[in-house]
């Protein structure tokens, strides 16, 4: 009896030690060993930094937006951000477990669904700060364009990858028409910043897919003409560009970006310490658009540099992994997703240091926001799903045989 118990204990111990080991072939075990765990760790670090940053910015945002009722607690936005993280993390993990084909099909359907929602945003959308970008009521409001970004990129990547099989397919005009439709819908909200993100992602995918220099030159001229036309005929673009280049008074001055730069640099290298910032109370949107400046004031320029390095590391990590990828769809989709992620972070930081006009764009995983957090989690989940690799795929059969003894 004792011998049998000893053998049973040994077997149980071996099974426990194999849990999440390389020999674990369960769905969760395979997922754990196939995903890019370094990328997941870097994203987790960003989310943690974001939670601390929102806690620092929450008192300033609560003071600004509570109004006469003074109904917002100092950590109101911090508590809500924790809720969104609890929602977003399972979404990220769930999407990362999808197969490439399933992820592609869901992106195609999702892109169609959220494009249709964009049509209804100007009609039934909730107006916030003079713009209609959200659908829903209260805590349930969401921004369709945020969710559309990763789905649009993967869908366009799949369409452009079809050129490998048939060069005659009119995928470039088709994706261009899709972009133009989305751009028109976004400009009606108005949402000039997101329009730029969609256009930049499309041009990037077109370049990577092997578009000719003639096509790219034509697109370059078209981009210049579009900016000029937007400046002349689109009031939102006119105000943003004039306020950045020439300054002014009232709503068209450079108060926001100037205030952001002063706040960012007021903490010096090491900051005033958590909760020690005072200039953040003068910032518009301290918990979203200008949270990078709050980080600079309370945690210092060193912390801002570290955050920029983390974003760069994420982009570099993904692009390096693509060097050995042969599937054109995976190359285009992954490069597009990480490019959009890095470009959004770059624009937000550029606005905070006053080298780009204000665009109302969040800092990925750091700014407060439910739509932004969940949509970014979908994008990273897709990145993890598309870059999953079997750890034994490129091993010698002799190595596998020896390791299995």
Protein backbone atom coordinates (compact mmCIF):
# COMPACT_ATOMS: atom_id res chain seq x y z
CA UNK A 1 0.00 0.00 0.00
CA UNK A 2 2.83 2.37 0.90
CA UNK A 3 4.62 1.47 -2.34
CA UNK A 4 1.48 2.18 -4.36
CA UNK A 5 1.02 5.51 -2.57
CA UNK A 6 4.65 6.40 -3.24
CA UNK A 7 4.30 5.66 -6.96
CA UNK A 8 1.05 7.64 -7.12
CA UNK A 9 2.73 10.58 -5.42
CA UNK A 10 5.63 10.40 -7.88
CA UNK A 11 3.27 10.39 -10.87
CA UNK A 12 1.30 13.31 -9.44
CA UNK A 13 4.53 15.23 -8.86
CA UNK A 14 5.65 14.65 -12.45
CA UNK A 15 2.29 15.82 -13.78
CA UNK A 16 2.44 18.93 -11.64
CA UNK A 17 5.97 19.72 -12.80
CA UNK A 18 4.87 19.27 -16.42
CA UNK A 19 2.15 21.87 -16.00
CA UNK A 20 3.03 24.73 -18.38
CA UNK A 21 6.23 22.85 -19.24
CA UNK A 22 7.24 22.34 -22.85
CA UNK A 23 5.65 18.91 -22.76
CA UNK A 24 2.25 20.38 -21.85
CA UNK A 25 0.11 20.05 -24.99
CA UNK A 26 -3.08 21.56 -23.60
CA UNK A 27 -4.51 24.66 -25.33
CA UNK A 28 -3.24 26.96 -22.57
CA UNK A 29 0.13 25.21 -22.47
CA UNK A 30 0.65 25.51 -26.22
CA UNK A 31 -0.43 29.16 -26.09
CA UNK A 32 2.05 29.93 -23.32
CA UNK A 33 5.02 28.48 -25.17
CA UNK A 34 4.08 29.77 -28.62
CA UNK A 35 3.34 33.44 -27.89
CA UNK A 36 5.97 36.15 -27.63
CA UNK A 37 6.24 36.34 -23.84
CA UNK A 38 8.69 39.25 -23.98
CA UNK A 39 6.18 41.30 -25.99
CA UNK A 40 3.44 40.40 -23.51
CA UNK A 41 5.69 41.45 -20.63
CA UNK A 42 6.48 44.82 -22.24
CA UNK A 43 2.78 45.50 -22.74
CA UNK A 44 2.08 44.52 -19.12
CA UNK A 45 4.74 47.02 -18.01
CA UNK A 46 3.04 49.75 -20.05
CA UNK A 47 -0.35 48.93 -18.52
CA UNK A 48 1.17 49.09 -15.02
CA UNK A 49 2.82 52.43 -15.78
CA UNK A 50 -0.47 53.68 -17.18
CA UNK A 51 -2.34 52.77 -14.00
CA UNK A 52 0.17 54.74 -11.91
CA UNK A 53 0.00 57.67 -14.34
CA UNK A 54 -3.81 57.76 -14.32
CA UNK A 55 -3.71 57.74 -10.51
CA UNK A 56 -1.41 60.78 -10.66
CA UNK A 57 -3.58 62.60 -13.21
CA UNK A 58 -6.95 61.63 -11.73
CA UNK A 59 -7.17 64.41 -9.09
CA UNK A 60 -6.53 67.08 -11.73
CA UNK A 61 -9.07 65.56 -14.13
CA UNK A 62 -11.65 65.11 -11.35
CA UNK A 63 -11.26 68.74 -10.31
CA UNK A 64 -11.64 69.97 -13.90
CA UNK A 65 -14.63 67.84 -14.87
CA UNK A 66 -16.60 67.59 -11.63
CA UNK A 67 -17.89 71.14 -12.15
CA UNK A 68 -20.14 72.76 -9.62
CA UNK A 69 -21.42 69.43 -8.28
CA UNK A 70 -17.96 68.33 -7.12
CA UNK A 71 -19.24 64.77 -7.48
CA UNK A 72 -16.00 63.14 -8.67
CA UNK A 73 -13.71 61.57 -6.08
CA UNK A 74 -10.01 62.42 -6.53
CA UNK A 75 -9.28 58.89 -7.80
CA UNK A 76 -12.46 58.59 -9.87
CA UNK A 77 -10.63 57.96 -13.16
CA UNK A 78 -8.13 55.62 -11.52
CA UNK A 79 -10.92 53.33 -10.28
CA UNK A 80 -12.59 53.36 -13.68
CA UNK A 81 -9.29 52.57 -15.40
CA UNK A 82 -8.89 49.53 -13.16
CA UNK A 83 -12.29 48.31 -14.35
CA UNK A 84 -11.28 48.75 -17.99
CA UNK A 85 -8.05 46.83 -17.42
CA UNK A 86 -10.01 43.95 -15.89
CA UNK A 87 -12.17 43.96 -19.04
CA UNK A 88 -9.30 44.40 -21.52
CA UNK A 89 -6.84 41.75 -20.31
CA UNK A 90 -9.14 38.75 -20.94
CA UNK A 91 -9.94 40.22 -24.36
CA UNK A 92 -6.22 40.42 -25.17
CA UNK A 93 -5.54 36.85 -24.01
CA UNK A 94 -8.62 35.51 -25.80
CA UNK A 95 -7.70 37.14 -29.11
CA UNK A 96 -4.09 35.95 -28.80
CA UNK A 97 -5.33 32.33 -28.64
CA UNK A 98 -7.02 32.57 -32.04
CA UNK A 99 -5.57 30.83 -35.08
CA UNK A 100 -4.41 33.06 -37.93
CA UNK A 101 -7.36 32.09 -40.14
CA UNK A 102 -9.91 32.70 -37.38
CA UNK A 103 -8.33 36.03 -36.49
CA UNK A 104 -8.47 37.09 -40.15
CA UNK A 105 -12.15 36.17 -40.53
CA UNK A 106 -13.12 37.99 -37.33
CA UNK A 107 -11.23 41.09 -38.46
CA UNK A 108 -13.03 41.15 -41.81
CA UNK A 109 -16.41 40.88 -40.14
CA UNK A 110 -15.49 43.34 -37.41
CA UNK A 111 -14.18 45.90 -39.90
CA UNK A 112 -17.47 45.79 -41.80
CA UNK A 113 -19.48 46.12 -38.57
CA UNK A 114 -17.58 49.12 -37.16
CA UNK A 115 -17.51 50.86 -40.54
CA UNK A 116 -21.31 50.70 -40.55
CA UNK A 117 -21.32 52.08 -36.99
CA UNK A 118 -19.26 55.05 -38.18
CA UNK A 119 -22.16 56.00 -40.46
CA UNK A 120 -24.44 56.37 -37.43
CA UNK A 121 -21.99 58.21 -35.16
CA UNK A 122 -22.87 61.74 -36.46
CA UNK A 123 -26.56 60.86 -36.22
CA UNK A 124 -26.93 59.18 -32.82
CA UNK A 125 -23.49 59.79 -31.32
CA UNK A 126 -22.89 61.56 -28.02
CA UNK A 127 -21.22 64.96 -28.30
CA UNK A 128 -18.14 65.53 -26.13
CA UNK A 129 -15.99 68.68 -26.40
CA UNK A 130 -17.69 69.68 -29.64
CA UNK A 131 -17.16 66.34 -31.42
CA UNK A 132 -19.43 63.35 -31.99
CA UNK A 133 -17.15 60.31 -31.82
CA UNK A 134 -18.90 58.11 -29.27
CA UNK A 135 -21.95 55.87 -29.30
CA UNK A 136 -23.75 54.87 -26.13
CA UNK A 137 -24.69 56.45 -22.83
CA UNK A 138 -22.60 57.18 -19.75
CA UNK A 139 -20.15 54.43 -18.77
CA UNK A 140 -21.25 52.35 -21.78
CA UNK A 141 -20.01 54.86 -24.38
CA UNK A 142 -17.47 53.56 -26.88
CA UNK A 143 -15.62 55.00 -29.87
CA UNK A 144 -16.09 52.86 -33.03
CA UNK A 145 -13.03 54.32 -34.77
CA UNK A 146 -10.75 53.00 -32.00
CA UNK A 147 -11.97 49.44 -32.56
CA UNK A 148 -11.88 49.83 -36.34
CA UNK A 149 -8.16 50.65 -36.49
CA UNK A 150 -6.68 47.16 -35.85
CA UNK A 151 -9.51 45.45 -37.76
CA UNK A 152 -9.00 47.74 -40.77
CA UNK A 153 -5.25 47.06 -40.80
CA UNK A 154 -5.62 43.27 -40.75
CA UNK A 155 -8.37 43.38 -43.40
CA UNK A 156 -6.32 45.57 -45.74
CA UNK A 157 -3.26 43.36 -45.14
CA UNK A 158 -5.24 40.30 -46.24
CA UNK A 159 -6.56 42.02 -49.37
CA UNK A 160 -3.09 43.26 -50.37
CA UNK A 161 -1.56 39.83 -49.71
CA UNK A 162 -3.85 38.38 -52.41
CA UNK A 163 -1.66 40.12 -55.03
CA UNK A 164 0.92 37.42 -54.46
CA UNK A 165 -1.43 34.89 -56.01
CA UNK A 166 -3.01 37.08 -58.67
CA UNK A 167 -1.43 40.38 -59.74
CA UNK A 168 -4.53 41.35 -61.71
CA UNK A 169 -6.75 41.68 -58.65
CA UNK A 170 -7.77 45.35 -58.13
CA UNK A 171 -6.97 45.28 -54.42
CA UNK A 172 -5.17 48.64 -54.34
CA UNK A 173 -8.16 50.64 -55.66
CA UNK A 174 -10.47 48.58 -53.44
CA UNK A 175 -8.51 49.31 -50.26
CA UNK A 176 -8.15 52.94 -51.34
CA UNK A 177 -11.92 53.21 -51.70
CA UNK A 178 -12.36 51.69 -48.23
CA UNK A 179 -9.89 54.21 -46.78
CA UNK A 180 -11.67 57.11 -48.52
CA UNK A 181 -15.02 55.98 -47.11
CA UNK A 182 -13.65 55.77 -43.57
CA UNK A 183 -11.87 59.13 -43.95
CA UNK A 184 -15.08 60.89 -45.01
CA UNK A 185 -16.96 59.39 -42.07
CA UNK A 186 -14.21 60.38 -39.62
CA UNK A 187 -13.99 63.95 -40.92
CA UNK A 188 -17.71 64.40 -40.22
CA UNK A 189 -17.24 63.71 -36.50
CA UNK A 190 -14.74 65.59 -36.79
CA UNK A 191 -11.69 63.38 -36.10
CA UNK A 192 -8.72 64.64 -38.09
CA UNK A 193 -6.10 62.79 -36.00
CA UNK A 194 -7.63 59.35 -36.53
CA UNK A 195 -7.94 60.08 -40.26
CA UNK A 196 -4.18 60.60 -40.41
CA UNK A 197 -3.58 57.31 -38.56
CA UNK A 198 -5.75 55.34 -41.00
CA UNK A 199 -4.13 56.97 -44.03
CA UNK A 200 -0.58 56.41 -42.71
CA UNK A 201 -1.34 52.75 -41.98
CA UNK A 202 -2.71 52.25 -45.51
CA UNK A 203 0.33 53.86 -47.15
CA UNK A 204 2.64 51.76 -44.99
CA UNK A 205 0.88 48.53 -45.97
CA UNK A 206 0.88 49.54 -49.63
CA UNK A 207 4.63 50.20 -49.50
CA UNK A 208 5.39 46.87 -47.82
CA UNK A 209 3.22 45.00 -50.32
CA UNK A 210 5.55 46.07 -53.13
CA UNK A 211 3.79 49.04 -54.70
CA UNK A 212 5.75 50.68 -57.51
CA UNK A 213 7.55 53.99 -57.08
CA UNK A 214 5.14 55.55 -59.55
CA UNK A 215 2.18 54.63 -57.34
CA UNK A 216 3.98 55.83 -54.20
CA UNK A 217 4.95 59.10 -55.86
CA UNK A 218 1.36 59.63 -56.93
CA UNK A 219 0.23 58.95 -53.35
CA UNK A 220 2.81 61.41 -52.04
CA UNK A 221 1.48 64.15 -54.28
CA UNK A 222 -2.06 63.18 -53.28
CA UNK A 223 -1.15 63.45 -49.60
CA UNK A 224 0.25 66.96 -50.08
CA UNK A 225 -2.83 67.98 -52.03
CA UNK A 226 -5.09 66.49 -49.32
CA UNK A 227 -3.34 68.45 -46.56
CA UNK A 228 -3.63 71.68 -48.56
CA UNK A 229 -7.30 71.00 -49.30
CA UNK A 230 -7.96 70.19 -45.64
CA UNK A 231 -6.28 73.43 -44.60
CA UNK A 232 -8.33 75.46 -47.08
CA UNK A 233 -11.73 73.82 -46.76
CA UNK A 234 -11.82 71.85 -43.49
CA UNK A 235 -12.20 74.24 -40.52
CA UNK A 236 -10.87 71.79 -37.92
CA UNK A 237 -7.61 71.35 -39.83
CA UNK A 238 -7.37 75.10 -40.46
CA UNK A 239 -7.70 75.88 -36.75
CA UNK A 240 -5.22 73.19 -35.66
CA UNK A 241 -2.56 74.15 -38.22
CA UNK A 242 -2.94 77.90 -37.69
CA UNK A 243 -2.79 77.60 -33.91
CA UNK A 244 0.35 75.46 -34.11
CA UNK A 245 2.20 77.58 -36.68
CA UNK A 246 1.09 81.10 -35.87
CA UNK A 247 -0.53 81.05 -32.44
CA UNK A 248 -3.42 83.39 -31.77
CA UNK A 249 -6.06 84.02 -29.20
CA UNK A 250 -9.08 82.27 -27.76
CA UNK A 251 -9.72 78.79 -29.08
CA UNK A 252 -7.01 79.07 -31.73
CA UNK A 253 -4.02 79.80 -29.53
CA UNK A 254 -1.31 77.40 -28.45
CA UNK A 255 -2.38 77.27 -24.81
CA UNK A 256 -2.83 73.49 -24.69
CA UNK A 257 0.52 72.43 -26.14
CA UNK A 258 2.40 75.25 -24.40
CA UNK A 259 0.86 74.29 -21.07
CA UNK A 260 1.71 70.63 -21.72
CA UNK A 261 5.37 71.44 -22.40
CA UNK A 262 5.66 73.62 -19.29
CA UNK A 263 4.10 70.87 -17.19
CA UNK A 264 6.34 68.16 -18.65
CA UNK A 265 9.58 70.05 -18.00
CA UNK A 266 8.63 71.50 -14.60
CA UNK A 267 9.61 68.29 -12.80
CA UNK A 268 13.18 68.22 -14.05
CA UNK A 269 14.99 64.91 -14.41
CA UNK A 270 13.42 63.10 -11.48
CA UNK A 271 10.06 64.84 -10.97
CA UNK A 272 8.27 66.29 -7.97
CA UNK A 273 7.21 62.86 -6.73
CA UNK A 274 3.82 61.08 -6.86
CA UNK A 275 1.04 63.53 -6.10
CA UNK A 276 3.45 66.47 -5.90
CA UNK A 277 2.58 68.07 -9.23
CA UNK A 278 0.70 71.36 -9.35
CA UNK A 279 0.86 72.39 -13.01
CA UNK A 280 -1.21 69.35 -13.98
CA UNK A 281 -4.28 71.13 -12.58
CA UNK A 282 -3.97 73.67 -15.41
CA UNK A 283 -3.87 71.03 -18.14
CA UNK A 284 -6.83 70.24 -20.37
CA UNK A 285 -7.39 66.45 -20.54
CA UNK A 286 -4.58 65.62 -18.06
CA UNK A 287 -5.67 61.97 -17.86
CA UNK A 288 -5.88 61.35 -21.63
CA UNK A 289 -4.21 63.53 -24.27
CA UNK A 290 -1.65 65.12 -21.93
CA UNK A 291 -0.90 62.35 -19.46
CA UNK A 292 2.68 62.22 -20.76
CA UNK A 293 3.17 65.73 -19.37
CA UNK A 294 1.80 64.66 -15.98
CA UNK A 295 4.34 61.83 -15.95
CA UNK A 296 7.10 64.34 -16.73
CA UNK A 297 6.08 66.63 -13.88
CA UNK A 298 5.71 63.99 -11.17
CA UNK A 299 8.19 61.31 -12.25
CA UNK A 300 10.69 63.31 -14.30
CA UNK A 301 12.13 63.35 -17.78
CA UNK A 302 13.94 60.08 -17.01
CA UNK A 303 10.58 58.34 -16.70
CA UNK A 304 9.41 59.88 -19.99
CA UNK A 305 12.56 58.60 -21.71
CA UNK A 306 12.04 55.13 -20.25
CA UNK A 307 8.47 55.04 -21.60
CA UNK A 308 9.66 56.09 -25.07
CA UNK A 309 12.27 53.30 -24.96
CA UNK A 310 9.58 50.73 -24.08
CA UNK A 311 7.50 51.77 -27.09
CA UNK A 312 10.59 51.56 -29.30
CA UNK A 313 11.43 48.13 -27.89
CA UNK A 314 7.94 46.83 -28.71
CA UNK A 315 8.12 48.07 -32.30
CA UNK A 316 11.68 46.77 -32.79
CA UNK A 317 10.86 43.39 -31.23
CA UNK A 318 7.96 42.76 -33.59
CA UNK A 319 9.78 43.97 -36.72
CA UNK A 320 12.83 41.81 -35.94
CA UNK A 321 10.60 38.73 -35.60
CA UNK A 322 9.22 39.45 -39.07
CA UNK A 323 12.67 39.04 -40.66
CA UNK A 324 12.13 35.26 -40.75
CA UNK A 325 8.44 35.36 -41.73
CA UNK A 326 7.47 34.13 -45.21
CA UNK A 327 3.68 34.60 -45.10
CA UNK A 328 2.95 37.95 -46.76
CA UNK A 329 -0.36 38.34 -44.92
CA UNK A 330 1.36 37.94 -41.54
CA UNK A 331 4.14 40.36 -42.53
CA UNK A 332 1.71 43.05 -43.65
CA UNK A 333 -0.77 42.63 -40.79
CA UNK A 334 1.85 42.50 -38.05
CA UNK A 335 3.91 45.39 -39.43
CA UNK A 336 0.75 47.44 -39.86
CA UNK A 337 -0.48 46.76 -36.33
CA UNK A 338 2.82 47.58 -34.63
CA UNK A 339 3.34 50.55 -36.96
CA UNK A 340 -0.04 52.02 -35.99
CA UNK A 341 0.76 51.38 -32.33
CA UNK A 342 4.14 53.11 -32.52
CA UNK A 343 2.87 55.99 -34.68
CA UNK A 344 0.05 56.74 -32.24
CA UNK A 345 2.51 56.81 -29.33
CA UNK A 346 4.88 59.04 -31.31
CA UNK A 347 2.14 61.54 -32.18
CA UNK A 348 0.96 61.79 -28.58
CA UNK A 349 4.49 62.37 -27.25
CA UNK A 350 5.22 64.86 -30.05
CA UNK A 351 2.14 66.89 -29.09
CA UNK A 352 3.21 66.91 -25.44
CA UNK A 353 6.66 68.27 -26.29
CA UNK A 354 5.13 70.88 -28.62
CA UNK A 355 6.53 69.66 -31.92
CA UNK A 356 3.13 68.66 -33.37
CA UNK A 357 -0.33 70.26 -33.23
CA UNK A 358 -2.88 68.88 -30.78
CA UNK A 359 -4.82 65.93 -32.26
CA UNK A 360 -6.78 64.48 -29.33
CA UNK A 361 -4.92 61.17 -29.48
CA UNK A 362 -4.28 58.91 -26.49
CA UNK A 363 -0.95 57.44 -25.39
CA UNK A 364 -1.32 53.65 -25.89
CA UNK A 365 -2.04 51.71 -22.67
CA UNK A 366 -1.14 54.73 -20.53
CA UNK A 367 -3.90 57.27 -21.18
CA UNK A 368 -7.26 56.78 -19.51
CA UNK A 369 -10.05 55.43 -21.71
CA UNK A 370 -12.22 52.36 -22.07
CA UNK A 371 -12.46 52.29 -25.87
CA UNK A 372 -8.75 52.91 -26.21
CA UNK A 373 -7.78 50.25 -23.66
CA UNK A 374 -10.00 47.50 -25.09
CA UNK A 375 -9.23 48.35 -28.73
CA UNK A 376 -5.48 48.38 -28.06
CA UNK A 377 -5.84 45.03 -26.28
CA UNK A 378 -7.50 43.64 -29.40
CA UNK A 379 -4.59 44.97 -31.49
CA UNK A 380 -1.94 43.45 -29.21
CA UNK A 381 -3.93 40.22 -29.04
CA UNK A 382 -3.82 40.08 -32.83
CA UNK A 383 -0.07 40.77 -32.74
CA UNK A 384 0.44 37.89 -30.31
CA UNK A 385 -1.78 35.58 -32.37
CA UNK A 386 -0.04 36.37 -35.67
CA UNK A 387 3.49 36.04 -34.23
CA UNK A 388 2.91 32.75 -32.39
CA UNK A 389 5.62 30.22 -33.15
CA UNK A 390 5.94 26.50 -32.43
CA UNK A 391 9.16 26.27 -30.35
CA UNK A 392 10.00 22.91 -31.99
CA UNK A 393 9.29 24.00 -35.58
CA UNK A 394 12.88 24.73 -36.65
CA UNK A 395 14.65 22.22 -34.43
CA UNK A 396 16.64 19.27 -35.69
CA UNK A 397 14.80 15.93 -35.28
CA UNK A 398 17.86 14.64 -33.38
CA UNK A 399 17.59 17.44 -30.84
CA UNK A 400 13.87 16.72 -30.32
CA UNK A 401 14.55 13.00 -29.92
CA UNK A 402 17.33 13.59 -27.39
CA UNK A 403 15.26 16.07 -25.36
CA UNK A 404 12.40 13.60 -25.17
CA UNK A 405 14.43 10.93 -23.38
